Amino acid sequence: MQERSSVGELAEQLRRELDRYSPGGKLPSSRALVERFRVSPVTVSRALAQLAAEGLVVTRPGAGAFRAEPRAAAAPGGDTSWQQLALSADTAAEPVPRSVDASGVLVSLSAPPPGVIEFNGGYLHPSLQPERAMAAALSRAGRRPGAWGRPPMEGLPELREWFARSIGGPGGAVTAAEVLITSGGQSGLTTALRALAPPGAPVLVESPTYPGMLAIARAAGLRPVPVPVDADGVRPALLADAFRATGARVFVCQPLFQNPTGAVLAAERRGEVLRIAREAGAFVIEDDFVRRLVHEDAPPLPRPLAADDPDGVVVHVCSLTKATSPSFRVSALAARGPVLERLRAIQVVDTFFVPRPLQEAALELVGSPAWPRHLRAVSAALRARRDAMTSALAVHLPELALPYIPSGGYHLWPRLPEGADETALTAAALRAGVAITPGRPYFSAEPPAAHLRLSFAAVAGTAEIAEGVRRLRTACDEVFQGWAPQGRDDRDGGS
């Protein structure tokens, strides 16, 4: 069982038993709870912390946990209805409303209920995260001289140098002076979009694309304009048409293991994309989010677009988060020319700087022998999980079309049969005990077909993948009655 599920279940059990104790009464010791419920001391500590945060228990160091005194009656709520008018008036004169729809992001951030298999996760399962290496790095970082002082606004020079080498290669195509350290890829994308496009402007996006980027754009008052992708990435002719039709000055793309399709921008298209953007007088925001999640069987990876861009067309965003932990939010923005100063100014105004201990820990981690070992282990594990999911889908759900199997990243993008209702299937899947992501939030306009995004990185292993696909089969049988068993036999093994 996952640790977070154990914590929730233990907290609920203790919550039900609180009536046995009078206010101020002492709960059993942590050791007694460990022995009774057969969980780890960490699970007990976190469950008690959760109850303390809810005001149900009080913990006293060295003394134990006690039932809290009854809470006073809540004060009557105020009247916040006036805000509806204030918020709507604020956007009435704007060409694009700035209301924020975070639903597409929350799908991959919210933990599913206990017992539900997580095919909608956006991060590595704890068993794949380098927890011991990160803990050791953080411990060493905390002892560095000046580790708790204020860092340079642009980031630690050594960390900027490391990111510059990883983006531009050893030849110095990108220099440390062209790199800013940011707090996670989402923050970097937000800064880039705010710097490059004014409210109301069009911004070209891949279709389908990452919902979090669409949410950023809309929250900034931008108008996402879709440009279709295929198995070789964005289609250059359509990109050129979109620039001419809209006058856009920004194109956001994920050239490597695109989210959600997994596509890699073909070699012959890379130069075309840069040329088209340059002729349009536009920037390309390159979201290089999973370069470090390459699978064991992948061919050599293409360089980032930024490494082949001497003219400052590309604003590059990359992060350590996907390859480590959702809480290890260290990323980089790379750009050259006058735009770099604008990016720096926006970041300083928004966040000042990334906490120095986290930057120091990042340096310790990527400079340790544990880092390449971790990347090799993740590379092998993701290949095994991808293969397990594709095999299970071929056996149990051949009706799902899977024309492209990526060699990097952490998810698949199957297409549902024509007329399928992905919303109903998502709800039925949750009832069957598996959380999936519907495809609709990945499109900025009407989607050409119904899809699902299925993650294989956030689960415990290949056995859980097989069980999750079996549960998804149950959900499909509930929602799509036309999928008869004989139809599955006719196409057994296909994808």
Protein backbone atom coordinates (compact mmCIF):
# COMPACT_ATOMS: atom_id res chain seq x y z
CA MET A 1 0.00 0.00 0.00
CA GLN A 2 1.24 3.46 -0.77
CA GLU A 3 2.42 5.51 2.20
CA ARG A 4 -0.06 8.32 1.62
CA SER A 5 -2.95 5.79 1.50
CA SER A 6 -1.78 4.28 4.80
CA VAL A 7 -1.65 7.73 6.38
CA GLY A 8 -5.20 8.55 5.30
CA GLU A 9 -6.58 5.20 6.47
CA LEU A 10 -4.86 5.43 9.88
CA ALA A 11 -6.03 9.02 10.35
CA GLU A 12 -9.61 7.98 9.58
CA GLN A 13 -9.43 5.05 12.03
CA LEU A 14 -8.09 7.31 14.81
CA ARG A 15 -10.72 9.92 13.97
CA ARG A 16 -13.47 7.34 14.54
CA GLU A 17 -11.98 6.31 17.88
CA LEU A 18 -11.54 9.80 19.35
CA ASP A 19 -14.87 9.59 21.21
CA ARG A 20 -13.30 6.97 23.49
CA TYR A 21 -11.19 9.71 25.03
CA SER A 22 -12.31 12.69 27.05
CA PRO A 23 -11.01 16.14 26.07
CA GLY A 24 -7.40 16.27 27.16
CA GLY A 25 -7.21 12.48 27.32
CA LYS A 26 -4.02 10.86 26.12
CA LEU A 27 -4.05 8.69 23.00
CA PRO A 28 -1.96 5.49 22.78
CA SER A 29 1.75 6.01 22.27
CA SER A 30 3.23 6.05 18.79
CA ARG A 31 4.90 2.71 19.49
CA ALA A 32 1.57 1.18 20.47
CA LEU A 33 -0.06 2.50 17.30
CA VAL A 34 2.78 1.10 15.18
CA GLU A 35 2.33 -2.35 16.72
CA ARG A 36 -1.48 -2.31 16.59
CA PHE A 37 -1.92 -1.14 13.01
CA ARG A 38 1.31 -2.66 11.61
CA VAL A 39 2.43 0.58 9.97
CA SER A 40 5.68 2.51 10.08
CA PRO A 41 6.49 5.19 12.67
CA VAL A 42 6.47 7.73 9.84
CA THR A 43 2.89 6.77 8.98
CA VAL A 44 1.82 7.21 12.61
CA SER A 45 3.58 10.58 12.84
CA ARG A 46 1.93 11.85 9.66
CA ALA A 47 -1.52 10.60 10.65
CA LEU A 48 -1.29 12.36 14.02
CA ALA A 49 -0.04 15.50 12.28
CA GLN A 50 -3.08 15.38 10.01
CA LEU A 51 -5.44 15.15 12.99
CA ALA A 52 -3.56 17.95 14.72
CA ALA A 53 -3.96 20.13 11.61
CA GLU A 54 -7.71 19.44 11.78
CA GLY A 55 -7.76 20.59 15.42
CA LEU A 56 -8.80 17.14 16.70
CA VAL A 57 -5.65 16.29 18.65
CA VAL A 58 -2.81 18.18 20.30
CA THR A 59 0.72 16.78 20.17
CA ARG A 60 3.25 17.62 22.87
CA PRO A 61 6.90 16.71 22.24
CA GLY A 62 8.03 14.11 24.71
CA ALA A 63 4.54 13.65 26.16
CA GLY A 64 2.44 12.23 23.31
CA ALA A 65 -0.84 13.06 21.59
CA PHE A 66 -4.02 14.17 23.39
CA ARG A 67 -7.60 14.72 22.32
CA ALA A 68 -8.15 18.42 21.77
CA GLU A 69 -10.70 20.45 23.65
CA PRO A 70 -14.03 20.91 21.83
CA ARG A 71 -13.90 23.68 19.29
CA ALA A 72 -15.96 26.79 19.81
CA ALA A 73 -18.94 27.28 17.54
CA ALA A 74 -17.93 28.72 14.20
CA ALA A 75 -18.62 32.39 13.68
CA PRO A 76 -21.45 33.11 11.23
CA GLY A 77 -20.25 33.40 7.67
CA GLY A 78 -20.11 36.75 5.91
CA ASP A 79 -21.69 37.73 2.63
CA THR A 80 -19.21 37.40 -0.23
CA SER A 81 -21.76 37.72 -3.03
CA TRP A 82 -20.42 41.22 -3.82
CA GLN A 83 -17.27 39.58 -5.25
CA GLN A 84 -19.19 38.22 -8.26
CA LEU A 85 -19.81 41.74 -9.49
CA ALA A 86 -16.29 42.93 -8.67
CA LEU A 87 -14.62 40.03 -10.46
CA SER A 88 -16.85 40.22 -13.53
CA ALA A 89 -16.43 43.99 -13.78
CA ASP A 90 -12.66 43.52 -13.66
CA THR A 91 -12.75 41.46 -16.88
CA ALA A 92 -15.68 43.05 -18.71
CA ALA A 93 -13.49 45.25 -20.92
CA GLU A 94 -10.86 42.60 -21.61
CA PRO A 95 -10.86 40.67 -24.89
CA VAL A 96 -10.20 37.38 -23.07
CA PRO A 97 -11.58 36.64 -19.58
CA ARG A 98 -8.92 35.93 -16.99
CA SER A 99 -10.93 33.47 -14.92
CA VAL A 100 -8.75 30.47 -14.08
CA ASP A 101 -9.82 26.89 -14.84
CA ALA A 102 -7.42 24.62 -12.98
CA SER A 103 -9.40 21.41 -13.54
CA GLY A 104 -7.04 20.08 -16.19
CA VAL A 105 -4.08 20.55 -13.84
CA LEU A 106 -5.77 19.20 -10.73
CA VAL A 107 -6.44 15.87 -12.46
CA SER A 108 -2.75 14.99 -12.25
CA LEU A 109 -2.07 16.72 -8.92
CA SER A 110 -4.93 15.39 -6.77
CA ALA A 111 -4.34 12.08 -5.04
CA PRO A 112 -7.05 9.48 -5.80
CA PRO A 113 -8.99 7.84 -2.96
CA PRO A 114 -7.32 4.91 -1.14
CA GLY A 115 -7.35 1.72 -3.18
CA VAL A 116 -7.71 3.51 -6.52
CA ILE A 117 -4.96 2.79 -9.06
CA GLU A 118 -3.38 6.03 -10.25
CA PHE A 119 -3.29 6.10 -14.05
CA ASN A 120 -3.72 9.90 -13.94
CA GLY A 121 -0.54 10.83 -12.08
CA GLY A 122 1.98 13.30 -13.42
CA TYR A 123 4.99 12.35 -11.30
CA LEU A 124 7.13 9.34 -10.50
CA HIS A 125 5.84 6.86 -7.94
CA PRO A 126 7.75 7.19 -4.63
CA SER A 127 9.50 3.88 -5.36
CA LEU A 128 11.06 5.51 -8.45
CA GLN A 129 12.05 8.76 -6.77
CA PRO A 130 15.65 9.17 -5.51
CA GLU A 131 14.44 9.83 -1.98
CA ARG A 132 17.62 8.74 -0.20
CA ALA A 133 19.84 10.64 -2.62
CA MET A 134 17.68 13.77 -2.27
CA ALA A 135 17.70 13.50 1.53
CA ALA A 136 21.49 13.14 1.55
CA ALA A 137 21.86 16.06 -0.87
CA LEU A 138 19.61 18.26 1.25
CA SER A 139 21.56 17.33 4.38
CA ARG A 140 24.89 18.17 2.76
CA ALA A 141 23.45 21.36 1.27
CA GLY A 142 22.29 22.57 4.66
CA ARG A 143 25.85 22.41 5.95
CA ARG A 144 27.36 24.42 3.11
CA PRO A 145 28.73 27.83 4.15
CA GLY A 146 26.10 30.47 3.46
CA ALA A 147 23.49 27.87 2.50
CA TRP A 148 20.74 29.76 4.32
CA GLY A 149 21.66 33.17 3.00
CA ARG A 150 20.15 35.07 0.10
CA PRO A 151 21.20 33.66 -3.28
CA PRO A 152 21.90 35.69 -6.41
CA MET A 153 18.61 36.72 -8.03
CA GLU A 154 19.44 34.78 -11.21
CA GLY A 155 20.41 31.64 -9.27
CA LEU A 156 23.63 30.08 -8.03
CA PRO A 157 26.37 30.42 -10.68
CA GLU A 158 27.35 26.74 -10.43
CA LEU A 159 23.76 25.59 -10.93
CA ARG A 160 23.28 27.94 -13.87
CA GLU A 161 26.46 26.52 -15.39
CA TRP A 162 25.19 22.95 -14.94
CA PHE A 163 21.88 23.75 -16.63
CA ALA A 164 23.70 25.61 -19.45
CA ARG A 165 25.79 22.50 -20.20
CA SER A 166 22.75 20.22 -20.08
CA ILE A 167 20.83 22.48 -22.50
CA GLY A 168 23.53 23.54 -24.93
CA GLY A 169 26.01 20.70 -24.64
CA PRO A 170 29.73 20.90 -23.89
CA GLY A 171 30.36 23.19 -26.86
CA GLY A 172 28.95 26.20 -25.05
CA ALA A 173 25.91 26.81 -27.27
CA VAL A 174 24.21 28.09 -24.11
CA THR A 175 26.14 29.94 -21.41
CA ALA A 176 25.48 30.31 -17.70
CA ALA A 177 24.83 34.02 -18.24
CA GLU A 178 21.82 33.06 -20.39
CA VAL A 179 20.20 30.91 -17.68
CA LEU A 180 17.84 31.86 -14.84
CA ILE A 181 16.97 29.43 -12.04
CA THR A 182 13.22 29.20 -11.47
CA SER A 183 10.89 27.38 -9.12
CA GLY A 184 9.58 24.53 -11.25
CA GLY A 185 8.65 24.25 -14.90
CA GLN A 186 5.17 25.66 -14.37
CA SER A 187 6.69 28.83 -12.92
CA GLY A 188 9.10 29.06 -15.84
CA LEU A 189 6.28 28.75 -18.39
CA THR A 190 4.27 31.40 -16.55
CA THR A 191 7.18 33.82 -16.58
CA ALA A 192 7.87 33.19 -20.27
CA LEU A 193 4.27 33.71 -21.39
CA ARG A 194 3.92 36.89 -19.34
CA ALA A 195 7.16 38.23 -20.79
CA LEU A 196 6.41 37.49 -24.43
CA ALA A 197 2.70 38.20 -24.98
CA PRO A 198 0.42 41.02 -23.77
CA PRO A 199 -3.13 40.30 -22.52
CA GLY A 200 -5.50 39.65 -25.39
CA ALA A 201 -2.78 38.43 -27.75
CA PRO A 202 -2.96 35.10 -29.58
CA VAL A 203 -0.46 32.41 -28.63
CA LEU A 204 0.07 29.36 -30.83
CA VAL A 205 -0.03 26.02 -29.02
CA GLU A 206 0.29 22.42 -30.09
CA SER A 207 -2.97 20.50 -30.38
CA PRO A 208 -3.34 18.54 -28.21
CA THR A 209 -1.13 20.06 -25.51
CA TYR A 210 -0.46 20.28 -21.77
CA PRO A 211 -3.56 21.62 -19.90
CA GLY A 212 -1.41 23.47 -17.39
CA MET A 213 0.03 25.62 -20.15
CA LEU A 214 -3.46 26.36 -21.50
CA ALA A 215 -4.49 27.40 -17.99
CA ILE A 216 -1.48 29.72 -17.70
CA ALA A 217 -2.26 31.33 -21.04
CA ARG A 218 -5.93 31.89 -20.29
CA ALA A 219 -5.21 33.21 -16.79
CA ALA A 220 -2.91 35.78 -18.41
CA GLY A 221 -5.66 36.83 -20.80
CA LEU A 222 -4.07 35.19 -23.85
CA ARG A 223 -5.92 33.40 -26.66
CA PRO A 224 -4.54 29.88 -27.32
CA VAL A 225 -4.68 28.99 -31.02
CA PRO A 226 -4.24 25.27 -31.80
CA VAL A 227 -1.73 23.93 -34.32
CA PRO A 228 -2.14 20.16 -34.94
CA VAL A 229 0.62 17.65 -34.22
CA ASP A 230 1.17 14.17 -35.60
CA ALA A 231 3.61 11.38 -34.78
CA ASP A 232 6.49 13.64 -35.96
CA GLY A 233 5.49 16.65 -33.89
CA VAL A 234 3.98 19.95 -34.94
CA ARG A 235 3.17 20.27 -38.66
CA PRO A 236 5.30 23.13 -40.07
CA ALA A 237 2.94 24.10 -42.90
CA LEU A 238 0.06 24.54 -40.46
CA LEU A 239 2.33 26.44 -38.07
CA ALA A 240 3.21 28.91 -40.83
CA ASP A 241 -0.48 29.27 -41.71
CA ALA A 242 -1.33 29.95 -38.07
CA PHE A 243 1.32 32.68 -37.77
CA ARG A 244 0.02 34.38 -40.92
CA ALA A 245 -3.63 34.12 -39.91
CA THR A 246 -3.26 35.35 -36.33
CA GLY A 247 -0.21 37.60 -36.24
CA ALA A 248 0.91 35.68 -33.14
CA ARG A 249 4.38 36.33 -31.76
CA VAL A 250 4.68 33.22 -29.54
CA PHE A 251 4.54 29.47 -30.20
CA VAL A 252 4.69 27.04 -27.25
CA CYS A 253 5.87 23.51 -27.98
CA GLN A 254 7.26 20.33 -26.43
CA PRO A 255 9.59 18.97 -29.12
CA LEU A 256 10.63 15.92 -27.07
CA PHE A 257 8.09 13.31 -25.87
CA GLN A 258 5.23 15.76 -26.26
CA ASN A 259 2.46 15.80 -23.66
CA PRO A 260 0.13 14.02 -24.28
CA THR A 261 1.01 12.32 -27.59
CA GLY A 262 4.61 11.38 -26.75
CA ALA A 263 5.74 12.57 -30.20
CA VAL A 264 9.30 13.71 -30.94
CA LEU A 265 9.74 16.60 -33.37
CA ALA A 266 11.29 15.04 -36.49
CA ALA A 267 14.80 16.10 -37.50
CA GLU A 268 13.63 17.60 -40.78
CA ARG A 269 11.03 19.72 -38.96
CA ARG A 270 13.31 21.23 -36.32
CA GLY A 271 14.96 23.76 -38.61
CA GLU A 272 11.63 24.48 -40.28
CA VAL A 273 9.97 25.41 -36.99
CA LEU A 274 12.78 27.81 -36.10
CA ARG A 275 12.82 29.32 -39.58
CA ILE A 276 9.05 29.85 -39.61
CA ALA A 277 9.09 31.50 -36.19
CA ARG A 278 12.06 33.69 -37.13
CA GLU A 279 10.34 34.90 -40.31
CA ALA A 280 7.20 35.69 -38.30
CA GLY A 281 9.26 37.71 -35.80
CA ALA A 282 8.06 35.31 -33.10
CA PHE A 283 9.46 33.45 -30.12
CA VAL A 284 9.33 29.69 -29.55
CA ILE A 285 8.88 28.62 -25.95
CA GLU A 286 10.47 25.17 -25.73
CA ASP A 287 9.11 23.14 -22.81
CA ASP A 288 11.72 20.39 -22.45
CA PHE A 289 9.98 18.78 -19.52
CA VAL A 290 10.91 15.06 -19.62
CA ARG A 291 14.31 14.82 -21.31
CA ARG A 292 15.58 12.94 -18.25
CA LEU A 293 12.75 10.39 -18.45
CA VAL A 294 14.02 8.73 -21.62
CA HIS A 295 13.32 5.00 -21.88
CA GLU A 296 16.05 2.40 -21.96
CA ASP A 297 15.37 1.47 -25.60
CA ALA A 298 15.25 5.03 -26.99
CA PRO A 299 17.52 6.09 -29.86
CA PRO A 300 19.93 9.00 -29.29
CA LEU A 301 17.97 12.10 -28.34
CA PRO A 302 17.96 15.26 -30.46
CA ARG A 303 19.46 18.34 -28.87
CA PRO A 304 17.13 20.98 -27.46
CA LEU A 305 16.00 23.53 -30.03
CA ALA A 306 17.79 26.16 -27.94
CA ALA A 307 21.13 24.49 -28.70
CA ASP A 308 20.68 25.20 -32.42
CA ASP A 309 19.35 28.74 -32.10
CA PRO A 310 21.96 31.53 -32.26
CA ASP A 311 19.34 34.21 -32.94
CA GLY A 312 17.44 34.08 -29.63
CA VAL A 313 14.21 32.73 -31.12
CA VAL A 314 13.91 30.01 -28.44
CA VAL A 315 13.09 30.56 -24.77
CA HIS A 316 13.91 27.23 -23.19
CA VAL A 317 12.24 25.79 -20.05
CA CYS A 318 13.52 22.65 -18.32
CA SER A 319 13.23 21.20 -14.85
CA LEU A 320 14.57 18.59 -12.43
CA THR A 321 11.11 17.97 -10.96
CA LYS A 322 9.80 15.21 -13.24
CA ALA A 323 12.93 13.12 -12.75
CA THR A 324 13.02 13.54 -8.97
CA SER A 325 9.99 14.51 -6.90
CA PRO A 326 7.01 16.88 -7.18
CA SER A 327 8.49 18.82 -4.25
CA PHE A 328 11.95 19.20 -5.82
CA ARG A 329 10.96 22.30 -7.75
CA VAL A 330 14.15 23.51 -9.38
CA SER A 331 14.11 24.49 -13.04
CA ALA A 332 15.77 26.80 -15.55
CA LEU A 333 14.83 29.41 -18.13
CA ALA A 334 17.36 29.95 -20.91
CA ALA A 335 17.21 32.81 -23.40
CA ARG A 336 19.51 35.23 -25.18
CA GLY A 337 19.12 38.84 -26.15
CA PRO A 338 17.00 41.62 -24.61
CA VAL A 339 14.23 39.17 -23.67
CA LEU A 340 16.46 37.74 -20.94
CA GLU A 341 16.27 40.96 -18.94
CA ARG A 342 12.49 41.00 -19.19
CA LEU A 343 12.31 37.38 -18.01
CA ARG A 344 14.62 38.21 -15.11
CA ALA A 345 12.60 41.26 -14.09
CA ILE A 346 9.30 39.36 -14.08
CA GLN A 347 10.77 36.55 -12.02
CA VAL A 348 12.26 38.94 -9.46
CA VAL A 349 8.95 40.78 -9.10
CA ASP A 350 6.95 37.54 -8.78
CA THR A 351 9.15 35.36 -6.57
CA PHE A 352 12.41 37.21 -5.71
CA PHE A 353 14.47 34.00 -6.02
CA VAL A 354 14.42 30.22 -5.56
CA PRO A 355 15.31 29.31 -1.94
CA ARG A 356 19.06 28.84 -1.67
CA PRO A 357 18.93 25.54 0.29
CA LEU A 358 16.96 23.98 -2.56
CA GLN A 359 19.45 25.24 -5.14
CA GLU A 360 22.34 23.94 -3.06
CA ALA A 361 20.60 20.58 -2.73
CA ALA A 362 20.11 20.44 -6.50
CA LEU A 363 23.84 21.01 -6.99
CA GLU A 364 24.66 18.28 -4.49
CA LEU A 365 22.25 15.85 -6.15
CA VAL A 366 23.28 16.29 -9.80
CA GLY A 367 26.96 16.22 -8.81
CA SER A 368 26.70 12.96 -6.87
CA PRO A 369 27.32 9.40 -8.19
CA ALA A 370 23.72 8.63 -7.22
CA TRP A 371 22.35 10.89 -9.99
CA PRO A 372 23.42 8.87 -13.07
CA ARG A 373 22.51 5.65 -11.24
CA HIS A 374 19.04 7.03 -10.59
CA LEU A 375 18.55 8.08 -14.21
CA ARG A 376 19.59 4.63 -15.45
CA ALA A 377 17.21 2.92 -13.03
CA VAL A 378 14.30 5.15 -14.02
CA SER A 379 15.06 4.61 -17.70
CA ALA A 380 14.82 0.83 -17.30
CA ALA A 381 11.75 1.01 -15.05
CA LEU A 382 9.80 3.28 -17.38
CA ARG A 383 10.48 1.03 -20.36
CA ALA A 384 9.22 -1.99 -18.40
CA ARG A 385 6.11 -0.13 -17.28
CA ARG A 386 5.39 1.21 -20.78
CA ASP A 387 5.69 -2.29 -22.22
CA ALA A 388 3.47 -3.72 -19.47
CA MET A 389 0.75 -1.15 -20.18
CA THR A 390 0.85 -1.50 -23.96
CA SER A 391 0.71 -5.30 -23.67
CA ALA A 392 -2.19 -5.17 -21.21
CA LEU A 393 -4.12 -2.75 -23.43
CA ALA A 394 -3.57 -5.00 -26.47
CA VAL A 395 -5.01 -7.99 -24.61
CA HIS A 396 -7.85 -6.39 -22.66
CA LEU A 397 -8.71 -3.25 -24.63
CA PRO A 398 -7.82 -3.71 -28.30
CA GLU A 399 -10.65 -1.29 -29.15
CA LEU A 400 -8.42 1.56 -28.00
CA ALA A 401 -6.30 2.80 -30.88
CA LEU A 402 -2.67 3.33 -29.91
CA PRO A 403 -0.90 4.39 -33.11
CA TYR A 404 2.20 5.73 -31.35
CA ILE A 405 4.24 4.23 -28.51
CA PRO A 406 6.75 6.74 -27.14
CA SER A 407 10.33 5.99 -26.12
CA GLY A 408 10.30 8.54 -23.33
CA GLY A 409 7.99 10.20 -20.85
CA TYR A 410 5.48 8.51 -18.63
CA HIS A 411 2.15 8.12 -20.41
CA LEU A 412 0.22 6.75 -23.39
CA TRP A 413 -2.42 8.54 -25.47
CA PRO A 414 -5.01 6.00 -26.71
CA ARG A 415 -7.93 7.10 -28.86
CA LEU A 416 -11.42 5.89 -27.98
CA PRO A 417 -13.86 4.46 -30.55
CA GLU A 418 -15.93 6.93 -32.49
CA GLY A 419 -18.81 8.32 -30.43
CA ALA A 420 -17.31 7.27 -27.09
CA ASP A 421 -18.01 9.46 -24.07
CA GLU A 422 -14.71 10.00 -22.29
CA THR A 423 -16.36 11.84 -19.40
CA ALA A 424 -18.67 8.91 -18.66
CA LEU A 425 -15.77 6.49 -18.99
CA THR A 426 -13.65 8.53 -16.57
CA ALA A 427 -16.42 8.39 -13.96
CA ALA A 428 -17.02 4.66 -14.51
CA ALA A 429 -13.30 3.97 -14.24
CA LEU A 430 -13.16 5.70 -10.87
CA ARG A 431 -16.06 3.54 -9.69
CA ALA A 432 -14.11 0.50 -10.88
CA GLY A 433 -11.06 1.61 -8.90
CA VAL A 434 -8.78 3.24 -11.48
CA ALA A 435 -8.23 6.99 -12.04
CA ILE A 436 -7.71 8.06 -15.65
CA THR A 437 -7.39 11.41 -17.42
CA PRO A 438 -9.91 12.40 -20.10
CA GLY A 439 -8.50 13.89 -23.28
CA ARG A 440 -10.76 16.94 -23.63
CA PRO A 441 -8.69 19.32 -21.40
CA TYR A 442 -5.69 18.82 -23.71
CA PHE A 443 -7.40 20.59 -26.62
CA SER A 444 -7.80 24.36 -26.84
CA ALA A 445 -10.63 23.91 -29.36
CA GLU A 446 -13.03 21.10 -30.25
CA PRO A 447 -11.14 17.77 -30.21
CA PRO A 448 -11.14 15.62 -33.35
CA ALA A 449 -11.78 12.46 -31.30
CA ALA A 450 -12.13 11.23 -27.73
CA HIS A 451 -8.90 10.23 -26.00
CA LEU A 452 -7.52 9.14 -22.65
CA ARG A 453 -4.13 9.84 -21.14
CA LEU A 454 -2.87 6.86 -19.16
CA SER A 455 0.18 7.34 -16.93
CA PHE A 456 2.38 4.37 -16.06
CA ALA A 457 4.83 6.23 -13.80
CA ALA A 458 2.68 6.99 -10.75
CA VAL A 459 1.75 3.36 -9.98
CA ALA A 460 3.60 0.91 -7.76
CA GLY A 461 4.72 -1.44 -10.54
CA THR A 462 3.80 -3.64 -13.48
CA ALA A 463 1.40 -5.79 -11.45
CA GLU A 464 -0.62 -2.70 -10.57
CA ILE A 465 -0.61 -1.68 -14.23
CA ALA A 466 -2.11 -5.04 -15.23
CA GLU A 467 -4.78 -4.76 -12.54
CA GLY A 468 -5.55 -1.17 -13.54
CA VAL A 469 -6.13 -2.16 -17.17
CA ARG A 470 -8.44 -4.97 -16.04
CA ARG A 471 -10.43 -2.45 -14.02
CA LEU A 472 -10.53 -0.13 -17.01
CA ARG A 473 -11.96 -3.01 -19.06
CA THR A 474 -14.76 -3.31 -16.49
CA ALA A 475 -15.48 0.41 -16.81
CA CYS A 476 -15.56 0.20 -20.60
CA ASP A 477 -18.01 -2.70 -20.46
CA GLU A 478 -20.25 -0.61 -18.21
CA VAL A 479 -20.22 2.50 -20.40
CA PHE A 480 -19.87 1.17 -23.93
CA GLN A 481 -22.27 -1.70 -24.26
CA GLY A 482 -21.43 -2.04 -27.94
CA TRP A 483 -17.99 -3.37 -27.13
CA ALA A 484 -18.92 -7.05 -27.22
CA PRO A 485 -16.49 -9.75 -26.06
CA GLN A 486 -16.44 -11.30 -29.53
CA GLY A 487 -15.20 -7.94 -30.84
CA ARG A 488 -12.25 -8.19 -28.49
CA ASP A 489 -11.48 -11.72 -29.67
CA ASP A 490 -11.54 -10.60 -33.31
CA ARG A 491 -8.83 -8.06 -32.61
CA ASP A 492 -6.91 -9.80 -29.86
CA GLY A 493 -3.37 -8.45 -29.62
CA GLY A 494 -3.94 -5.34 -31.69
CA SER A 495 -3.47 -1.75 -30.59
